[in-house]
C-alpha atoms as a PDB file:
ATOM      1  CA  MET A   1       2.934 -88.411  29.688  1.00  0.00           C
ATOM      2  CA  ARG A   2       5.286 -87.390  26.854  1.00  0.00           C
ATOM      3  CA  PHE A   3       8.620 -85.624  27.393  1.00  0.00           C
ATOM      4  CA  PHE A   4      10.014 -83.407  24.651  1.00  0.00           C
ATOM      5  CA  GLU A   5      13.684 -82.638  25.173  1.00  0.00           C
ATOM      6  CA  ARG A   6      14.350 -79.376  23.352  1.00  0.00           C
ATOM      7  CA  GLY A   7      17.465 -77.440  22.412  1.00  0.00           C
ATOM      8  CA  TRP A   8      18.716 -74.893  24.922  1.00  0.00           C
ATOM      9  CA  LEU A   9      16.930 -71.943  23.307  1.00  0.00           C
ATOM     10  CA  SER A  10      13.619 -73.559  24.267  1.00  0.00           C
ATOM     11  CA  ALA A  11      12.825 -75.195  27.557  1.00  0.00           C
ATOM     12  CA  ASN A  12      11.733 -78.832  27.598  1.00  0.00           C
ATOM     13  CA  ASN A  13       8.009 -79.598  27.344  1.00  0.00           C
ATOM     14  CA  VAL A  14       5.916 -82.172  29.184  1.00  0.00           C
ATOM     15  CA  LEU A  15       2.689 -83.218  27.461  1.00  0.00           C
ATOM     16  CA  PHE A  16      -0.108 -85.123  29.198  1.00  0.00           C
ATOM     17  CA  THR A  17      -2.231 -87.040  26.699  1.00  0.00           C
ATOM     18  CA  GLY A  18      -4.864 -88.603  28.957  1.00  0.00           C
ATOM     19  CA  GLU A  19      -8.526 -87.741  29.212  1.00  0.00           C
ATOM     20  CA  GLU A  20      -7.628 -84.089  29.830  1.00  0.00           C
ATOM     21  CA  THR A  21      -4.650 -82.938  27.788  1.00  0.00           C
ATOM     22  CA  ALA A  22      -2.103 -80.517  29.234  1.00  0.00           C
ATOM     23  CA  LEU A  23       1.317 -79.075  28.404  1.00  0.00           C
ATOM     24  CA  VAL A  24       3.901 -77.841  30.900  1.00  0.00           C
ATOM     25  CA  ASP A  25       6.061 -75.011  29.475  1.00  0.00           C
ATOM     26  CA  SER A  26       5.962 -73.888  25.859  1.00  0.00           C
ATOM     27  CA  GLY A  27       9.490 -73.006  24.704  1.00  0.00           C
ATOM     28  CA  TYR A  28      10.841 -69.820  23.127  1.00  0.00           C
ATOM     29  CA  LEU A  29       8.939 -67.514  20.764  1.00  0.00           C
ATOM     30  CA  THR A  30      10.970 -68.295  17.656  1.00  0.00           C
ATOM     31  CA  HIS A  31      10.499 -72.031  18.280  1.00  0.00           C
ATOM     32  CA  ALA A  32       6.693 -71.746  18.595  1.00  0.00           C
ATOM     33  CA  PRO A  33       6.086 -73.455  15.203  1.00  0.00           C
ATOM     34  CA  GLN A  34       8.165 -76.425  16.387  1.00  0.00           C
ATOM     35  CA  THR A  35       6.260 -76.533  19.680  1.00  0.00           C
ATOM     36  CA  LEU A  36       2.948 -76.520  17.824  1.00  0.00           C
ATOM     37  CA  ALA A  37       4.144 -79.274  15.508  1.00  0.00           C
ATOM     38  CA  LEU A  38       5.237 -81.464  18.418  1.00  0.00           C
ATOM     39  CA  VAL A  39       1.932 -80.986  20.231  1.00  0.00           C
ATOM     40  CA  ARG A  40      -0.184 -81.543  17.120  1.00  0.00           C
ATOM     41  CA  HIS A  41       1.642 -84.745  16.233  1.00  0.00           C
ATOM     42  CA  ALA A  42       1.453 -86.159  19.754  1.00  0.00           C
ATOM     43  CA  LEU A  43      -2.231 -85.291  20.233  1.00  0.00           C
ATOM     44  CA  ASP A  44      -3.160 -86.614  16.761  1.00  0.00           C
ATOM     45  CA  GLY A  45      -6.052 -84.230  16.204  1.00  0.00           C
ATOM     46  CA  ARG A  46      -7.142 -83.845  19.824  1.00  0.00           C
ATOM     47  CA  PRO A  47      -7.197 -80.344  21.332  1.00  0.00           C
ATOM     48  CA  LEU A  48      -4.767 -79.065  23.923  1.00  0.00           C
ATOM     49  CA  GLN A  49      -6.964 -78.186  26.880  1.00  0.00           C
ATOM     50  CA  ARG A  50      -4.504 -76.866  29.468  1.00  0.00           C
ATOM     51  CA  LEU A  51      -1.180 -75.039  29.543  1.00  0.00           C
ATOM     52  CA  LEU A  52       0.953 -74.518  32.649  1.00  0.00           C
ATOM     53  CA  ASN A  53       4.235 -72.630  33.200  1.00  0.00           C
ATOM     54  CA  THR A  54       6.818 -73.455  35.847  1.00  0.00           C
ATOM     55  CA  HIS A  55       7.993 -69.824  35.568  1.00  0.00           C
ATOM     56  CA  LEU A  56       7.762 -66.989  33.084  1.00  0.00           C
ATOM     57  CA  HIS A  57      11.235 -66.689  31.613  1.00  0.00           C
ATOM     58  CA  SER A  58      10.981 -66.316  27.850  1.00  0.00           C
ATOM     59  CA  ASP A  59      12.246 -69.817  27.033  1.00  0.00           C
ATOM     60  CA  HIS A  60       9.474 -71.384  29.118  1.00  0.00           C
ATOM     61  CA  CYS A  61       6.462 -69.338  28.015  1.00  0.00           C
ATOM     62  CA  GLY A  62       7.380 -67.950  24.586  1.00  0.00           C
ATOM     63  CA  GLY A  63       5.014 -70.389  22.877  1.00  0.00           C
ATOM     64  CA  ASN A  64       2.036 -69.528  25.097  1.00  0.00           C
ATOM     65  CA  ALA A  65       0.478 -67.031  22.697  1.00  0.00           C
ATOM     66  CA  ALA A  66       0.699 -69.389  19.710  1.00  0.00           C
ATOM     67  CA  LEU A  67      -0.802 -72.293  21.667  1.00  0.00           C
ATOM     68  CA  GLN A  68      -3.597 -70.089  22.969  1.00  0.00           C
ATOM     69  CA  ALA A  69      -4.347 -68.814  19.464  1.00  0.00           C
ATOM     70  CA  THR A  70      -4.466 -72.369  18.111  1.00  0.00           C
ATOM     71  CA  TYR A  71      -6.254 -74.196  20.924  1.00  0.00           C
ATOM     72  CA  GLY A  72      -7.738 -71.585  23.259  1.00  0.00           C
ATOM     73  CA  CYS A  73      -6.154 -73.604  26.067  1.00  0.00           C
ATOM     74  CA  HIS A  74      -6.796 -72.792  29.730  1.00  0.00           C
ATOM     75  CA  THR A  75      -3.525 -71.343  31.045  1.00  0.00           C
ATOM     76  CA  ALA A  76      -2.088 -71.340  34.568  1.00  0.00           C
ATOM     77  CA  ILE A  77       0.917 -69.250  35.627  1.00  0.00           C
ATOM     78  CA  PRO A  78       2.735 -68.713  38.954  1.00  0.00           C
ATOM     79  CA  GLN A  79       0.557 -66.629  41.256  1.00  0.00           C
ATOM     80  CA  ALA A  80       3.072 -63.853  41.907  1.00  0.00           C
ATOM     81  CA  GLU A  81       3.267 -63.003  38.192  1.00  0.00           C
ATOM     82  CA  ALA A  82      -0.456 -62.294  37.731  1.00  0.00           C
ATOM     83  CA  ALA A  83      -0.361 -58.494  37.894  1.00  0.00           C
ATOM     84  CA  LYS A  84       2.671 -58.266  35.589  1.00  0.00           C
ATOM     85  CA  VAL A  85       1.059 -60.451  32.951  1.00  0.00           C
ATOM     86  CA  ALA A  86      -2.301 -58.686  33.219  1.00  0.00           C
ATOM     87  CA  ALA A  87      -0.573 -55.330  32.591  1.00  0.00           C
ATOM     88  CA  TRP A  88       1.974 -56.946  30.246  1.00  0.00           C
ATOM     89  CA  ASP A  89       4.871 -55.232  32.004  1.00  0.00           C
ATOM     90  CA  GLU A  90       7.805 -56.506  29.910  1.00  0.00           C
ATOM     91  CA  ALA A  91      10.345 -54.852  32.204  1.00  0.00           C
ATOM     92  CA  ALA A  92       8.976 -56.542  35.332  1.00  0.00           C
ATOM     93  CA  LEU A  93       8.610 -59.845  33.459  1.00  0.00           C
ATOM     94  CA  SER A  94      12.354 -59.794  32.575  1.00  0.00           C
ATOM     95  CA  TYR A  95      11.936 -59.767  28.770  1.00  0.00           C
ATOM     96  CA  ARG A  96      13.210 -56.220  28.383  1.00  0.00           C
ATOM     97  CA  ALA A  97      15.859 -56.771  31.052  1.00  0.00           C
ATOM     98  CA  THR A  98      17.319 -59.786  29.249  1.00  0.00           C
ATOM     99  CA  GLY A  99      16.837 -58.539  25.687  1.00  0.00           C
ATOM    100  CA  GLN A 100      14.605 -61.512  24.855  1.00  0.00           C
ATOM    101  CA  GLN A 101      11.277 -61.895  23.054  1.00  0.00           C
ATOM    102  CA  CYS A 102       7.908 -63.068  24.302  1.00  0.00           C
ATOM    103  CA  ALA A 103       4.508 -62.500  22.650  1.00  0.00           C
ATOM    104  CA  ARG A 104       1.761 -61.287  24.960  1.00  0.00           C
ATOM    105  CA  PHE A 105      -0.414 -64.032  26.392  1.00  0.00           C
ATOM    106  CA  ARG A 106      -3.326 -64.255  28.815  1.00  0.00           C
ATOM    107  CA  PHE A 107      -3.875 -66.443  31.870  1.00  0.00           C
ATOM    108  CA  ASP A 108      -6.919 -68.125  33.361  1.00  0.00           C
ATOM    109  CA  ALA A 109      -5.647 -69.550  36.641  1.00  0.00           C
ATOM    110  CA  LEU A 110      -2.784 -69.253  39.109  1.00  0.00           C
ATOM    111  CA  LEU A 111      -0.323 -71.773  40.519  1.00  0.00           C
ATOM    112  CA  ALA A 112       0.423 -71.226  44.187  1.00  0.00           C
ATOM    113  CA  PRO A 113       2.674 -73.257  46.498  1.00  0.00           C
ATOM    114  CA  GLY A 114       0.574 -75.679  48.504  1.00  0.00           C
ATOM    115  CA  GLN A 115      -1.980 -76.305  45.768  1.00  0.00           C
ATOM    116  CA  GLN A 116      -2.792 -79.761  44.471  1.00  0.00           C
ATOM    117  CA  ILE A 117      -3.676 -80.124  40.790  1.00  0.00           C
ATOM    118  CA  GLU A 118      -4.432 -83.077  38.521  1.00  0.00           C
ATOM    119  CA  LEU A 119      -2.359 -83.915  35.460  1.00  0.00           C
ATOM    120  CA  GLY A 120      -2.578 -87.184  33.568  1.00  0.00           C
ATOM    121  CA  GLY A 121      -5.200 -88.464  35.999  1.00  0.00           C
ATOM    122  CA  MET A 122      -2.742 -88.176  38.912  1.00  0.00           C
ATOM    123  CA  PRO A 123      -2.492 -85.661  41.774  1.00  0.00           C
ATOM    124  CA  TRP A 124       0.465 -83.256  41.611  1.00  0.00           C
ATOM    125  CA  GLU A 125       1.727 -80.866  44.268  1.00  0.00           C
ATOM    126  CA  VAL A 126       2.658 -77.278  43.432  1.00  0.00           C
ATOM    127  CA  LEU A 127       5.785 -76.258  45.365  1.00  0.00           C
ATOM    128  CA  GLY A 128       7.603 -72.929  45.515  1.00  0.00           C
ATOM    129  CA  ALA A 129      11.084 -72.946  43.951  1.00  0.00           C
ATOM    130  CA  PRO A 130      12.699 -69.505  44.368  1.00  0.00           C
ATOM    131  CA  GLY A 131      16.324 -68.976  43.372  1.00  0.00           C
ATOM    132  CA  HIS A 132      16.830 -68.890  39.619  1.00  0.00           C
ATOM    133  CA  ASP A 133      13.500 -67.079  39.467  1.00  0.00           C
ATOM    134  CA  PRO A 134      11.877 -65.847  42.682  1.00  0.00           C
ATOM    135  CA  HIS A 135       8.391 -66.944  41.592  1.00  0.00           C
ATOM    136  CA  ALA A 136       9.129 -70.330  40.009  1.00  0.00           C
ATOM    137  CA  VAL A 137       7.243 -73.465  40.991  1.00  0.00           C
ATOM    138  CA  LEU A 138       7.948 -77.194  40.972  1.00  0.00           C
ATOM    139  CA  LEU A 139       5.349 -79.806  40.043  1.00  0.00           C
ATOM    140  CA  PHE A 140       5.693 -83.073  41.976  1.00  0.00           C
ATOM    141  CA  CYS A 141       3.691 -86.288  41.643  1.00  0.00           C
ATOM    142  CA  PRO A 142       4.175 -88.186  44.947  1.00  0.00           C
ATOM    143  CA  GLY A 143       2.456 -91.321  43.680  1.00  0.00           C
ATOM    144  CA  GLU A 144       4.963 -91.763  40.858  1.00  0.00           C
ATOM    145  CA  GLY A 145       7.952 -89.904  42.299  1.00  0.00           C
ATOM    146  CA  ILE A 146       8.141 -87.601  39.251  1.00  0.00           C
ATOM    147  CA  LEU A 147       9.413 -84.048  39.642  1.00  0.00           C
ATOM    148  CA  ILE A 148       9.009 -81.401  36.937  1.00  0.00           C
ATOM    149  CA  ALA A 149      11.815 -79.133  38.108  1.00  0.00           C
ATOM    150  CA  GLY A 150      11.946 -76.285  35.614  1.00  0.00           C
ATOM    151  CA  ASP A 151      15.298 -74.542  36.061  1.00  0.00           C
ATOM    152  CA  ALA A 152      15.572 -75.255  39.778  1.00  0.00           C
ATOM    153  CA  LEU A 153      17.542 -78.473  39.193  1.00  0.00           C
ATOM    154  CA  TRP A 154      19.230 -79.860  36.107  1.00  0.00           C
ATOM    155  CA  GLU A 155      21.356 -82.970  35.868  1.00  0.00           C
ATOM    156  CA  ASN A 156      24.388 -80.696  36.154  1.00  0.00           C
ATOM    157  CA  GLY A 157      23.404 -77.536  37.957  1.00  0.00           C
ATOM    158  CA  PHE A 158      20.552 -75.048  37.662  1.00  0.00           C
ATOM    159  CA  GLY A 159      19.632 -71.798  35.931  1.00  0.00           C
ATOM    160  CA  VAL A 160      21.404 -68.468  36.409  1.00  0.00           C
ATOM    161  CA  ILE A 161      20.547 -66.977  39.799  1.00  0.00           C
ATOM    162  CA  PHE A 162      19.133 -63.743  38.398  1.00  0.00           C
ATOM    163  CA  PRO A 163      18.014 -62.024  41.655  1.00  0.00           C
ATOM    164  CA  GLU A 164      21.635 -61.789  42.808  1.00  0.00           C
ATOM    165  CA  LEU A 165      22.472 -59.739  39.698  1.00  0.00           C
ATOM    166  CA  GLU A 166      20.013 -57.084  40.868  1.00  0.00           C
ATOM    167  CA  GLY A 167      21.395 -57.013  44.402  1.00  0.00           C
ATOM    168  CA  GLU A 168      18.573 -59.163  45.761  1.00  0.00           C
ATOM    169  CA  SER A 169      18.844 -62.423  47.658  1.00  0.00           C
ATOM    170  CA  GLY A 170      19.041 -65.544  45.512  1.00  0.00           C
ATOM    171  CA  PHE A 171      21.771 -67.850  46.789  1.00  0.00           C
ATOM    172  CA  ASP A 172      19.939 -68.666  50.037  1.00  0.00           C
ATOM    173  CA  GLU A 173      16.686 -69.263  48.175  1.00  0.00           C
ATOM    174  CA  THR A 174      18.414 -71.578  45.719  1.00  0.00           C
ATOM    175  CA  ARG A 175      19.828 -73.598  48.606  1.00  0.00           C
ATOM    176  CA  ALA A 176      16.414 -73.808  50.268  1.00  0.00           C
ATOM    177  CA  THR A 177      14.877 -75.070  47.009  1.00  0.00           C
ATOM    178  CA  LEU A 178      17.571 -77.731  46.680  1.00  0.00           C
ATOM    179  CA  ASP A 179      16.923 -78.722  50.303  1.00  0.00           C
ATOM    180  CA  LEU A 180      13.218 -79.053  49.510  1.00  0.00           C
ATOM    181  CA  ILE A 181      13.897 -81.237  46.482  1.00  0.00           C
ATOM    182  CA  GLY A 182      16.035 -83.446  48.706  1.00  0.00           C
ATOM    183  CA  THR A 183      12.996 -84.192  50.879  1.00  0.00           C
ATOM    184  CA  LEU A 184      10.686 -85.251  48.048  1.00  0.00           C
ATOM    185  CA  ASP A 185      11.785 -88.828  47.402  1.00  0.00           C
ATOM    186  CA  ALA A 186      11.739 -88.134  43.654  1.00  0.00           C
ATOM    187  CA  ARG A 187      12.822 -91.037  41.475  1.00  0.00           C
ATOM    188  CA  VAL A 188      12.709 -89.169  38.135  1.00  0.00           C
ATOM    189  CA  VAL A 189      13.457 -85.511  37.492  1.00  0.00           C
ATOM    190  CA  ILE A 190      12.285 -83.759  34.334  1.00  0.00           C
ATOM    191  CA  PRO A 191      14.458 -80.636  34.115  1.00  0.00           C
ATOM    192  CA  GLY A 192      13.769 -77.476  32.172  1.00  0.00           C
ATOM    193  CA  HIS A 193      16.827 -78.178  30.020  1.00  0.00           C
ATOM    194  CA  GLY A 194      18.749 -81.343  29.238  1.00  0.00           C
ATOM    195  CA  ARG A 195      17.741 -84.965  29.529  1.00  0.00           C
ATOM    196  CA  LEU A 196      15.562 -86.402  32.281  1.00  0.00           C
ATOM    197  CA  PHE A 197      17.503 -88.238  34.968  1.00  0.00           C
ATOM    198  CA  THR A 198      17.083 -90.624  37.880  1.00  0.00           C
ATOM    199  CA  ASP A 199      20.269 -89.984  39.899  1.00  0.00           C
ATOM    200  CA  VAL A 200      18.631 -87.262  41.951  1.00  0.00           C
ATOM    201  CA  ALA A 201      21.149 -87.508  44.803  1.00  0.00           C
ATOM    202  CA  GLY A 202      24.041 -87.068  42.380  1.00  0.00           C
ATOM    203  CA  ALA A 203      22.378 -84.082  40.714  1.00  0.00           C
ATOM    204  CA  LEU A 204      21.744 -82.459  44.077  1.00  0.00           C
ATOM    205  CA  GLN A 205      25.357 -83.003  45.111  1.00  0.00           C
ATOM    206  CA  ARG A 206      26.580 -81.319  41.923  1.00  0.00           C
ATOM    207  CA  ALA A 207      24.083 -78.490  42.366  1.00  0.00           C
ATOM    208  CA  TYR A 208      25.196 -77.824  45.951  1.00  0.00           C
ATOM    209  CA  SER A 209      28.825 -77.798  44.819  1.00  0.00           C
ATOM    210  CA  ARG A 210      27.971 -75.348  42.047  1.00  0.00           C
ATOM    211  CA  LEU A 211      26.059 -73.137  44.464  1.00  0.00           C
ATOM    212  CA  ASP A 212      28.958 -73.135  46.938  1.00  0.00           C
ATOM    213  CA  TYR A 213      31.304 -72.063  44.143  1.00  0.00           C
ATOM    214  CA  LEU A 214      29.058 -69.229  42.951  1.00  0.00           C
ATOM    215  CA  SER A 215      28.107 -67.886  46.360  1.00  0.00           C
ATOM    216  CA  ALA A 216      31.738 -67.834  47.547  1.00  0.00           C
ATOM    217  CA  ALA A 217      32.436 -65.034  45.024  1.00  0.00           C
ATOM    218  CA  PRO A 218      29.329 -63.394  43.532  1.00  0.00           C
ATOM    219  CA  GLN A 219      31.361 -62.191  40.529  1.00  0.00           C
ATOM    220  CA  ARG A 220      31.286 -65.808  39.362  1.00  0.00           C
ATOM    221  CA  ASN A 221      27.481 -65.721  39.128  1.00  0.00           C
ATOM    222  CA  ALA A 222      27.706 -62.491  37.129  1.00  0.00           C
ATOM    223  CA  GLU A 223      30.332 -63.950  34.780  1.00  0.00           C
ATOM    224  CA  ASN A 224      28.184 -67.028  34.254  1.00  0.00           C
ATOM    225  CA  ALA A 225      25.154 -64.846  33.518  1.00  0.00           C
ATOM    226  CA  ILE A 226      27.022 -62.899  30.824  1.00  0.00           C
ATOM    227  CA  LYS A 227      28.154 -66.082  29.082  1.00  0.00           C
ATOM    228  CA  VAL A 228      24.645 -67.527  29.243  1.00  0.00           C
ATOM    229  CA  LEU A 229      23.083 -64.350  27.822  1.00  0.00           C
ATOM    230  CA  VAL A 230      25.584 -64.203  24.951  1.00  0.00           C
ATOM    231  CA  LYS A 231      25.012 -67.892  24.225  1.00  0.00           C
ATOM    232  CA  PHE A 232      21.262 -67.266  24.224  1.00  0.00           C
ATOM    233  CA  LEU A 233      21.745 -64.467  21.682  1.00  0.00           C
ATOM    234  CA  LEU A 234      23.732 -66.886  19.531  1.00  0.00           C
ATOM    235  CA  LEU A 235      21.099 -69.602  19.795  1.00  0.00           C
ATOM    236  CA  GLU A 236      18.444 -67.103  18.755  1.00  0.00           C
ATOM    237  CA  ARG A 237      20.392 -65.459  15.903  1.00  0.00           C
ATOM    238  CA  GLN A 238      22.869 -68.243  14.991  1.00  0.00           C
ATOM    239  CA  ARG A 239      25.525 -65.650  14.052  1.00  0.00           C
ATOM    240  CA  ILE A 240      26.488 -62.241  15.407  1.00  0.00           C
ATOM    241  CA  ALA A 241      28.931 -59.769  13.872  1.00  0.00           C
ATOM    242  CA  LEU A 242      31.795 -59.270  16.303  1.00  0.00           C
ATOM    243  CA  ALA A 243      31.492 -55.519  15.841  1.00  0.00           C
ATOM    244  CA  GLU A 244      27.818 -55.699  16.850  1.00  0.00           C
ATOM    245  CA  LEU A 245      28.194 -57.636  20.088  1.00  0.00           C
ATOM    246  CA  PRO A 246      29.323 -54.771  22.377  1.00  0.00           C
ATOM    247  CA  GLY A 247      26.287 -52.734  21.336  1.00  0.00           C
ATOM    248  CA  LEU A 248      23.957 -55.685  21.888  1.00  0.00           C
ATOM    249  CA  LEU A 249      25.327 -56.173  25.392  1.00  0.00           C
ATOM    250  CA  ALA A 250      25.029 -52.453  26.147  1.00  0.00           C
ATOM    251  CA  GLY A 251      21.329 -52.650  25.301  1.00  0.00           C
ATOM    252  CA  ILE A 252      20.545 -55.434  27.803  1.00  0.00           C
ATOM    253  CA  PRO A 253      19.779 -54.010  31.281  1.00  0.00           C
ATOM    254  CA  VAL A 254      20.663 -57.175  33.184  1.00  0.00           C
ATOM    255  CA  VAL A 255      24.132 -57.057  31.592  1.00  0.00           C
ATOM    256  CA  ARG A 256      24.631 -53.622  33.074  1.00  0.00           C
ATOM    257  CA  SER A 257      23.592 -54.974  36.470  1.00  0.00           C
ATOM    258  CA  ALA A 258      25.968 -57.932  36.165  1.00  0.00           C
ATOM    259  CA  MET A 259      28.858 -55.665  35.209  1.00  0.00           C
ATOM    260  CA  GLY A 260      28.462 -53.893  38.548  1.00  0.00           C
ATOM    261  CA  GLN A 261      29.603 -57.124  40.212  1.00  0.00           C
ATOM    262  CA  MET A 262      32.488 -57.800  37.809  1.00  0.00           C
ATOM    263  CA  ASP A 263      36.013 -56.503  37.378  1.00  0.00           C
ATOM    264  CA  VAL A 264      35.713 -56.133  33.621  1.00  0.00           C
ATOM    265  CA  ALA A 265      39.159 -54.587  33.218  1.00  0.00           C
ATOM    266  CA  ALA A 266      40.774 -57.533  34.987  1.00  0.00           C
ATOM    267  CA  LEU A 267      38.884 -60.002  32.812  1.00  0.00           C
ATOM    268  CA  ALA A 268      39.937 -58.199  29.648  1.00  0.00           C
ATOM    269  CA  ALA A 269      43.562 -58.212  30.745  1.00  0.00           C
ATOM    270  CA  ASP A 270      43.539 -61.839  31.846  1.00  0.00           C
ATOM    271  CA  GLN A 271      45.348 -63.974  29.287  1.00  0.00           C
ATOM    272  CA  ALA A 272      44.878 -67.200  31.285  1.00  0.00           C
ATOM    273  CA  LEU A 273      41.158 -67.828  31.045  1.00  0.00           C
ATOM    274  CA  ALA A 274      41.682 -71.597  30.966  1.00  0.00           C
ATOM    275  CA  GLY A 275      41.234 -71.610  34.705  1.00  0.00           C
ATOM    276  CA  ARG A 276      37.637 -70.451  34.209  1.00  0.00           C
ATOM    277  CA  VAL A 277      36.665 -72.107  30.939  1.00  0.00           C
ATOM    278  CA  ASP A 278      38.003 -75.326  29.493  1.00  0.00           C
ATOM    279  CA  GLY A 279      38.777 -75.801  25.809  1.00  0.00           C
ATOM    280  CA  LYS A 280      41.282 -74.882  23.158  1.00  0.00           C
ATOM    281  CA  PRO A 281      43.247 -71.681  23.749  1.00  0.00           C
ATOM    282  CA  VAL A 282      42.040 -68.520  22.098  1.00  0.00           C
ATOM    283  CA  HIS A 283      43.902 -65.251  22.614  1.00  0.00           C
ATOM    284  CA  PRO A 284      41.593 -62.376  23.590  1.00  0.00           C
ATOM    285  CA  THR A 285      43.894 -59.973  21.742  1.00  0.00           C
ATOM    286  CA  ASP A 286      43.158 -61.801  18.484  1.00  0.00           C
ATOM    287  CA  ILE A 287      39.445 -61.224  19.005  1.00  0.00           C
ATOM    288  CA  SER A 288      39.883 -57.670  20.253  1.00  0.00           C
ATOM    289  CA  CYS A 289      41.614 -56.551  17.092  1.00  0.00           C
ATOM    290  CA  ARG A 290      38.692 -57.904  15.088  1.00  0.00           C
ATOM    291  CA  VAL A 291      36.131 -56.075  17.172  1.00  0.00           C
ATOM    292  CA  ASP A 292      37.959 -52.759  17.457  1.00  0.00           C
ATOM    293  CA  GLY A 293      40.458 -52.714  14.614  1.00  0.00           C
ATOM    294  CA  SER A 294      40.749 -52.634  10.858  1.00  0.00           C
ATOM    295  CA  ALA A 295      39.923 -56.325  10.430  1.00  0.00           C
ATOM    296  CA  VAL A 296      36.234 -55.479  10.773  1.00  0.00           C
ATOM    297  CA  HIS A 297      34.778 -54.481   7.410  1.00  0.00           C
ATOM    298  CA  ALA A 298      32.626 -51.374   7.256  1.00  0.00           C
ATOM    299  CA  SER A 299      29.701 -53.399   5.896  1.00  0.00           C
ATOM    300  CA  ASN A 300      29.597 -55.379   9.153  1.00  0.00           C
ATOM    301  CA  ALA A 301      29.837 -52.398  11.477  1.00  0.00           C
ATOM    302  CA  PRO A 302      26.672 -51.661  13.462  1.00  0.00           C
ATOM    303  CA  VAL A 303      24.885 -48.356  13.107  1.00  0.00           C
ATOM    304  CA  HIS A 304      24.484 -46.495  16.406  1.00  0.00           C
ATOM    305  CA  THR A 305      22.421 -43.366  16.769  1.00  0.00           C
ATOM    306  CA  ALA A 306      23.148 -43.049  20.478  1.00  0.00           C
ATOM    307  CA  SER A 307      26.443 -42.203  22.142  1.00  0.00           C
ATOM    308  CA  PRO A 308      29.463 -44.419  21.421  1.00  0.00           C
ATOM    309  CA  ILE A 309      29.555 -47.735  23.230  1.00  0.00           C
ATOM    310  CA  ASP A 310      31.515 -47.610  26.472  1.00  0.00           C
ATOM    311  CA  SER A 311      34.807 -49.460  26.069  1.00  0.00           C
ATOM    312  CA  ALA A 312      33.826 -51.693  28.990  1.00  0.00           C
ATOM    313  CA  TYR A 313      31.242 -53.374  26.763  1.00  0.00           C
ATOM    314  CA  THR A 314      33.900 -54.055  24.135  1.00  0.00           C
ATOM    315  CA  SER A 315      36.118 -55.594  26.809  1.00  0.00           C
ATOM    316  CA  LEU A 316      33.175 -57.632  28.055  1.00  0.00           C
ATOM    317  CA  ALA A 317      32.320 -58.788  24.532  1.00  0.00           C
ATOM    318  CA  ASN A 318      35.944 -59.826  23.919  1.00  0.00           C
ATOM    319  CA  TRP A 319      36.031 -61.817  27.148  1.00  0.00           C
ATOM    320  CA  ALA A 320      32.651 -63.488  26.553  1.00  0.00           C
ATOM    321  CA  THR A 321      33.637 -64.392  22.993  1.00  0.00           C
ATOM    322  CA  ALA A 322      36.924 -65.929  24.127  1.00  0.00           C
ATOM    323  CA  SER A 323      35.155 -67.803  26.931  1.00  0.00           C
ATOM    324  CA  LEU A 324      32.522 -69.338  24.670  1.00  0.00           C
ATOM    325  CA  ILE A 325      35.101 -70.358  22.079  1.00  0.00           C
ATOM    326  CA  ARG A 326      37.270 -72.000  24.714  1.00  0.00           C
ATOM    327  CA  ALA A 327      34.227 -73.879  25.997  1.00  0.00           C
ATOM    328  CA  GLN A 328      33.527 -74.964  22.395  1.00  0.00           C
ATOM    329  CA  ALA A 329      30.123 -73.286  22.698  1.00  0.00           C
ATOM    330  CA  ALA A 330      30.810 -70.922  19.771  1.00  0.00           C
ATOM    331  CA  ARG A 331      33.229 -70.469  16.909  1.00  0.00           C
ATOM    332  CA  LEU A 332      34.600 -67.680  14.753  1.00  0.00           C
ATOM    333  CA  ASP A 333      33.899 -67.375  11.049  1.00  0.00           C
ATOM    334  CA  GLY A 334      35.710 -64.308   9.755  1.00  0.00           C
ATOM    335  CA  ASN A 335      34.151 -61.302  11.444  1.00  0.00           C
ATOM    336  CA  PHE A 336      31.246 -63.283  12.927  1.00  0.00           C
ATOM    337  CA  LEU A 337      30.662 -65.311  16.060  1.00  0.00           C
ATOM    338  CA  LEU A 338      28.665 -68.443  15.226  1.00  0.00           C
ATOM    339  CA  ASP A 339      26.735 -70.836  17.414  1.00  0.00           C
ATOM    340  CA  GLN A 340      28.580 -74.126  17.852  1.00  0.00           C
END
């Protein structure tokens, strides 16, 4: 079994190189050439026979189409996503909702909680892992104590709880998934993002603490989602004109849903964001004048054919920009926000 730790635009990959080769999760669309290169090098001329997805967010299945085109690999996806993939409903699959890319792919089999599959010559259990994504699954090898967790558990937290942004239940499901992981006697966790880890109890403790914090005030989950989505845009594009960001946010449906749970005006007026995000101080007014004022050159201004962007999106963009800079997750370069 080979573990490929990827950058945060692409999910990690797990490659099984035994008698029957298999890959778990395939990264983001724009990283598909890298995914192919990693798989080709590791397999050294052998074909990739199977492909499995822990869930169908774009950073976990964006390389599916390229791998299928190259290897014709047998592909298994979570059972509840079958109809959406068959019809290629990008809205239901979250790609349109999050403003992210994913090339159309096919599937050959379904992963359902309670199934047992074989990977690397060992039996693995398929377990339901709702929360971050309502249809996600875990893959657990009891014989070796290895858990492929997707975005249900990272070393320090878990993925954005997206159902809550749409007014659906997600906090309780996340807690139930963490409870399930606590019963598995896992000795190694391979997360969807970040390094693999062995301190499962410590990771669970941090995850429960994070969940308690988010569920105590759902606006916190919405704020976190906005910052994650803006960071994802930066990872994908590397640089975004400050004048363009409000329009980009206005075009992402899940941002609109998140804003319904946020007091955007209060965030824009808050000059003491250090309580939410650590890092060097950045004054939102400095950024605001660049987005709205004369400091933005006409050549960088976006072209909009629709109605003017609601000022709430400008306020949201200012706040998200300041938050990412304070967290040292982005930096300013003139009139552009750059990935850090």
